[in-house]
C-alpha atoms as a PDB file:
ATOM      1  CA  UNK A   1     -94.705-116.821 -21.419  1.00  0.00           C
ATOM      2  CA  UNK A   2     -93.679-113.482 -22.860  1.00  0.00           C
ATOM      3  CA  UNK A   3     -92.107-112.422 -19.555  1.00  0.00           C
ATOM      4  CA  UNK A   4     -89.946-115.545 -19.583  1.00  0.00           C
ATOM      5  CA  UNK A   5     -88.623-114.689 -23.047  1.00  0.00           C
ATOM      6  CA  UNK A   6     -87.855-111.133 -21.974  1.00  0.00           C
ATOM      7  CA  UNK A   7     -86.060-112.442 -18.895  1.00  0.00           C
ATOM      8  CA  UNK A   8     -84.036-114.907 -20.984  1.00  0.00           C
ATOM      9  CA  UNK A   9     -83.064-112.171 -23.437  1.00  0.00           C
ATOM     10  CA  UNK A  10     -82.015-109.855 -20.618  1.00  0.00           C
ATOM     11  CA  UNK A  11     -79.943-112.632 -19.035  1.00  0.00           C
ATOM     12  CA  UNK A  12     -78.163-113.346 -22.330  1.00  0.00           C
ATOM     13  CA  UNK A  13     -77.498-109.613 -22.783  1.00  0.00           C
ATOM     14  CA  UNK A  14     -75.969-109.246 -19.301  1.00  0.00           C
ATOM     15  CA  UNK A  15     -73.940-112.440 -19.778  1.00  0.00           C
ATOM     16  CA  UNK A  16     -72.645-111.152 -23.121  1.00  0.00           C
ATOM     17  CA  UNK A  17     -71.535-107.876 -21.536  1.00  0.00           C
ATOM     18  CA  UNK A  18     -69.845-109.824 -18.739  1.00  0.00           C
ATOM     19  CA  UNK A  19     -67.985-112.060 -21.203  1.00  0.00           C
ATOM     20  CA  UNK A  20     -66.881-109.062 -23.265  1.00  0.00           C
ATOM     21  CA  UNK A  21     -65.612-107.325 -20.154  1.00  0.00           C
ATOM     22  CA  UNK A  22     -63.638-110.365 -18.991  1.00  0.00           C
ATOM     23  CA  UNK A  23     -62.252-111.231 -22.423  1.00  0.00           C
ATOM     24  CA  UNK A  24     -61.175-107.627 -22.917  1.00  0.00           C
ATOM     25  CA  UNK A  25     -58.551-108.063 -20.215  1.00  0.00           C
ATOM     26  CA  UNK A  26     -55.068-108.652 -21.681  1.00  0.00           C
ATOM     27  CA  UNK A  27     -54.238-111.644 -19.479  1.00  0.00           C
ATOM     28  CA  UNK A  28     -57.015-113.659 -21.121  1.00  0.00           C
ATOM     29  CA  UNK A  29     -55.679-113.055 -24.632  1.00  0.00           C
ATOM     30  CA  UNK A  30     -52.925-115.662 -24.334  1.00  0.00           C
ATOM     31  CA  UNK A  31     -54.889-118.207 -22.329  1.00  0.00           C
ATOM     32  CA  UNK A  32     -57.714-119.025 -24.722  1.00  0.00           C
ATOM     33  CA  UNK A  33     -57.213-121.000 -27.896  1.00  0.00           C
ATOM     34  CA  UNK A  34     -59.477-120.495 -30.923  1.00  0.00           C
ATOM     35  CA  UNK A  35     -61.334-123.675 -29.911  1.00  0.00           C
ATOM     36  CA  UNK A  36     -61.895-122.213 -26.437  1.00  0.00           C
ATOM     37  CA  UNK A  37     -63.288-119.018 -27.923  1.00  0.00           C
ATOM     38  CA  UNK A  38     -65.668-120.971 -30.169  1.00  0.00           C
ATOM     39  CA  UNK A  39     -66.944-122.803 -27.104  1.00  0.00           C
ATOM     40  CA  UNK A  40     -67.895-119.641 -25.222  1.00  0.00           C
ATOM     41  CA  UNK A  41     -71.591-118.924 -24.944  1.00  0.00           C
ATOM     42  CA  UNK A  42     -73.668-116.321 -23.097  1.00  0.00           C
ATOM     43  CA  UNK A  43     -76.286-118.974 -22.340  1.00  0.00           C
ATOM     44  CA  UNK A  44     -75.003-119.836 -18.862  1.00  0.00           C
ATOM     45  CA  UNK A  45     -77.180-119.349 -15.822  1.00  0.00           C
ATOM     46  CA  UNK A  46     -75.213-120.847 -12.919  1.00  0.00           C
ATOM     47  CA  UNK A  47     -75.062-117.402 -11.267  1.00  0.00           C
ATOM     48  CA  UNK A  48     -78.874-117.080 -11.205  1.00  0.00           C
ATOM     49  CA  UNK A  49     -80.645-117.822  -7.927  1.00  0.00           C
ATOM     50  CA  UNK A  50     -84.285-118.486  -8.855  1.00  0.00           C
ATOM     51  CA  UNK A  51     -85.469-119.636  -5.412  1.00  0.00           C
ATOM     52  CA  UNK A  52     -83.529-117.374  -3.079  1.00  0.00           C
ATOM     53  CA  UNK A  53     -83.966-113.816  -1.945  1.00  0.00           C
ATOM     54  CA  UNK A  54     -82.475-111.314  -4.361  1.00  0.00           C
ATOM     55  CA  UNK A  55     -81.457-107.938  -2.977  1.00  0.00           C
ATOM     56  CA  UNK A  56     -81.462-105.380  -5.745  1.00  0.00           C
ATOM     57  CA  UNK A  57     -79.580-102.131  -5.324  1.00  0.00           C
ATOM     58  CA  UNK A  58     -81.300 -99.788  -7.752  1.00  0.00           C
ATOM     59  CA  UNK A  59     -78.633 -97.122  -7.198  1.00  0.00           C
ATOM     60  CA  UNK A  60     -75.814 -99.212  -8.704  1.00  0.00           C
ATOM     61  CA  UNK A  61     -75.641 -99.841 -12.440  1.00  0.00           C
ATOM     62  CA  UNK A  62     -73.588-102.141 -14.608  1.00  0.00           C
ATOM     63  CA  UNK A  63     -70.385-100.568 -15.902  1.00  0.00           C
ATOM     64  CA  UNK A  64     -71.467-100.528 -19.534  1.00  0.00           C
ATOM     65  CA  UNK A  65     -68.901 -97.857 -20.413  1.00  0.00           C
ATOM     66  CA  UNK A  66     -66.163-100.458 -19.951  1.00  0.00           C
ATOM     67  CA  UNK A  67     -67.602-102.549 -22.787  1.00  0.00           C
ATOM     68  CA  UNK A  68     -66.183-101.601 -26.153  1.00  0.00           C
ATOM     69  CA  UNK A  69     -68.192-102.319 -29.254  1.00  0.00           C
ATOM     70  CA  UNK A  70     -66.348-104.105 -32.045  1.00  0.00           C
ATOM     71  CA  UNK A  71     -65.279-101.990 -34.967  1.00  0.00           C
ATOM     72  CA  UNK A  72     -65.884-102.714 -38.636  1.00  0.00           C
ATOM     73  CA  UNK A  73     -64.527-105.970 -39.976  1.00  0.00           C
ATOM     74  CA  UNK A  74     -61.259-105.720 -41.854  1.00  0.00           C
ATOM     75  CA  UNK A  75     -61.235-107.885 -44.982  1.00  0.00           C
ATOM     76  CA  UNK A  76     -58.674-110.663 -45.087  1.00  0.00           C
ATOM     77  CA  UNK A  77     -56.385-111.400 -48.012  1.00  0.00           C
ATOM     78  CA  UNK A  78     -58.609-114.275 -49.153  1.00  0.00           C
ATOM     79  CA  UNK A  79     -61.659-112.016 -49.217  1.00  0.00           C
ATOM     80  CA  UNK A  80     -59.681-109.409 -51.181  1.00  0.00           C
ATOM     81  CA  UNK A  81     -58.687-112.020 -53.742  1.00  0.00           C
ATOM     82  CA  UNK A  82     -62.248-113.293 -54.105  1.00  0.00           C
ATOM     83  CA  UNK A  83     -63.607-109.814 -54.627  1.00  0.00           C
ATOM     84  CA  UNK A  84     -60.923-109.013 -57.220  1.00  0.00           C
ATOM     85  CA  UNK A  85     -61.605-112.305 -59.055  1.00  0.00           C
ATOM     86  CA  UNK A  86     -65.333-111.529 -59.261  1.00  0.00           C
ATOM     87  CA  UNK A  87     -64.680-108.072 -60.727  1.00  0.00           C
END
């Protein structure tokens, strides 16, 4: 049971990196609406072949350098107003 959870977590991690890589391309910026972005999930598994032969090439790695981590959140005007009202 524990192995299944580790496998699921690894699959979600790889899917998240894949989504970040694809959504980082400029041509996707204008195609997706905010509703489309809310509907994205890394919980897809249609690319997984559980009952077929899987050929692993242990000499090729994922291009993790292409994935950029998000920076710190920039407060919006509404958040600035709320913080100034509390003070």
